[in-house]
C-alpha atoms as a PDB file:
ATOM      1  CA  MET A   1      45.398  28.822 132.805  1.00  0.00           C
ATOM      2  CA  THR A   2      46.896  28.221 136.224  1.00  0.00           C
ATOM      3  CA  LEU A   3      50.110  29.882 135.107  1.00  0.00           C
ATOM      4  CA  LEU A   4      48.244  32.980 133.884  1.00  0.00           C
ATOM      5  CA  VAL A   5      46.337  33.249 137.188  1.00  0.00           C
ATOM      6  CA  GLY A   6      49.527  32.897 139.186  1.00  0.00           C
ATOM      7  CA  PHE A   7      51.192  35.490 137.066  1.00  0.00           C
ATOM      8  CA  VAL A   8      48.377  37.999 137.553  1.00  0.00           C
ATOM      9  CA  ILE A   9      48.385  37.405 141.328  1.00  0.00           C
ATOM     10  CA  ALA A  10      52.136  37.907 141.367  1.00  0.00           C
ATOM     11  CA  LEU A  11      51.771  41.204 139.622  1.00  0.00           C
ATOM     12  CA  LEU A  12      49.016  42.475 141.894  1.00  0.00           C
ATOM     13  CA  TYR A  13      50.647  41.438 145.205  1.00  0.00           C
ATOM     14  CA  SER A  14      52.967  44.002 146.643  1.00  0.00           C
ATOM     15  CA  THR A  15      54.849  44.483 149.811  1.00  0.00           C
ATOM     16  CA  ASN A  16      56.376  47.542 151.388  1.00  0.00           C
ATOM     17  CA  SER A  17      60.125  47.631 151.464  1.00  0.00           C
ATOM     18  CA  SER A  18      62.750  50.136 152.296  1.00  0.00           C
ATOM     19  CA  ALA A  19      65.917  48.956 150.589  1.00  0.00           C
ATOM     20  CA  GLN A  20      68.590  51.561 150.649  1.00  0.00           C
ATOM     21  CA  CYS A  21      72.261  51.326 151.645  1.00  0.00           C
ATOM     22  CA  ALA A  22      73.258  52.901 154.919  1.00  0.00           C
ATOM     23  CA  MET A  23      75.578  55.450 153.255  1.00  0.00           C
ATOM     24  CA  CYS A  24      72.906  56.695 150.887  1.00  0.00           C
ATOM     25  CA  ARG A  25      70.267  56.890 153.612  1.00  0.00           C
ATOM     26  CA  ALA A  26      72.657  58.869 155.903  1.00  0.00           C
ATOM     27  CA  VAL A  27      73.439  61.438 153.197  1.00  0.00           C
ATOM     28  CA  LEU A  28      69.836  61.810 152.051  1.00  0.00           C
ATOM     29  CA  GLU A  29      68.453  62.249 155.577  1.00  0.00           C
ATOM     30  CA  THR A  30      70.903  64.961 156.562  1.00  0.00           C
ATOM     31  CA  GLU A  31      70.592  67.025 153.400  1.00  0.00           C
ATOM     32  CA  GLU A  32      68.196  69.969 153.396  1.00  0.00           C
ATOM     33  CA  GLY A  33      65.905  70.833 150.498  1.00  0.00           C
ATOM     34  CA  GLY A  34      65.852  67.359 148.906  1.00  0.00           C
ATOM     35  CA  VAL A  35      68.072  68.203 145.895  1.00  0.00           C
ATOM     36  CA  LYS A  36      70.352  65.139 146.439  1.00  0.00           C
ATOM     37  CA  ALA A  37      67.366  62.910 147.061  1.00  0.00           C
ATOM     38  CA  GLU A  38      65.877  63.910 143.735  1.00  0.00           C
ATOM     39  CA  ALA A  39      69.201  63.332 142.024  1.00  0.00           C
ATOM     40  CA  VAL A  40      69.520  59.923 143.591  1.00  0.00           C
ATOM     41  CA  ASN A  41      66.024  59.035 142.468  1.00  0.00           C
ATOM     42  CA  ASP A  42      66.562  60.306 138.868  1.00  0.00           C
ATOM     43  CA  GLY A  43      69.712  58.166 138.743  1.00  0.00           C
ATOM     44  CA  ILE A  44      67.918  55.099 139.800  1.00  0.00           C
ATOM     45  CA  VAL A  45      65.302  55.601 137.089  1.00  0.00           C
ATOM     46  CA  TYR A  46      68.033  56.284 134.539  1.00  0.00           C
ATOM     47  CA  LEU A  47      69.782  53.024 135.393  1.00  0.00           C
ATOM     48  CA  MET A  48      66.517  51.081 135.467  1.00  0.00           C
ATOM     49  CA  ALA A  49      65.564  52.173 131.991  1.00  0.00           C
ATOM     50  CA  PHE A  50      68.448  50.628 130.123  1.00  0.00           C
ATOM     51  CA  PRO A  51      67.643  46.944 130.660  1.00  0.00           C
ATOM     52  CA  TYR A  52      64.188  47.470 129.405  1.00  0.00           C
ATOM     53  CA  ILE A  53      65.383  49.451 126.316  1.00  0.00           C
ATOM     54  CA  LEU A  54      67.859  46.616 125.636  1.00  0.00           C
ATOM     55  CA  VAL A  55      65.213  43.947 125.993  1.00  0.00           C
ATOM     56  CA  ALA A  56      62.915  45.878 123.653  1.00  0.00           C
ATOM     57  CA  ILE A  57      65.610  46.233 121.013  1.00  0.00           C
ATOM     58  CA  ILE A  58      66.596  42.549 121.171  1.00  0.00           C
ATOM     59  CA  GLY A  59      62.899  41.590 120.957  1.00  0.00           C
ATOM     60  CA  TYR A  60      62.393  43.802 117.920  1.00  0.00           C
ATOM     61  CA  VAL A  61      65.381  42.356 116.168  1.00  0.00           C
ATOM     62  CA  ILE A  62      64.280  38.811 116.838  1.00  0.00           C
ATOM     63  CA  TYR A  63      60.766  39.733 115.645  1.00  0.00           C
ATOM     64  CA  LYS A  64      62.059  41.222 112.458  1.00  0.00           C
ATOM     65  CA  SER A  65      64.409  38.244 111.775  1.00  0.00           C
ATOM     66  CA  ARG A  66      61.679  35.687 112.184  1.00  0.00           C
ATOM     67  CA  LYS A  67      59.030  37.621 110.199  1.00  0.00           C
ATOM     68  CA  PRO A  68      58.729  36.113 106.662  1.00  0.00           C
ATOM     69  CA  LYS A  69      59.825  38.599 103.963  1.00  0.00           C
ATOM     70  CA  ALA A  70      57.177  39.731 101.517  1.00  0.00           C
ATOM     71  CA  THR A  71      57.955  39.121  97.901  1.00  0.00           C
END
């Protein structure tokens, strides 16, 4: 129960951060219109999606391999 409460608190706790490399920040701040900024954000989301997809596929394969086969 303590682990569950700690997990919920960790999920709900958030802090503000501004993590960005100096080169990206300089390019994105000087660019007009925000086209490059949108492209960088899309790239981040694209790269972030693959680990979740891989974990989901691996979890599905493990689930299917452990599930007893119906006869």
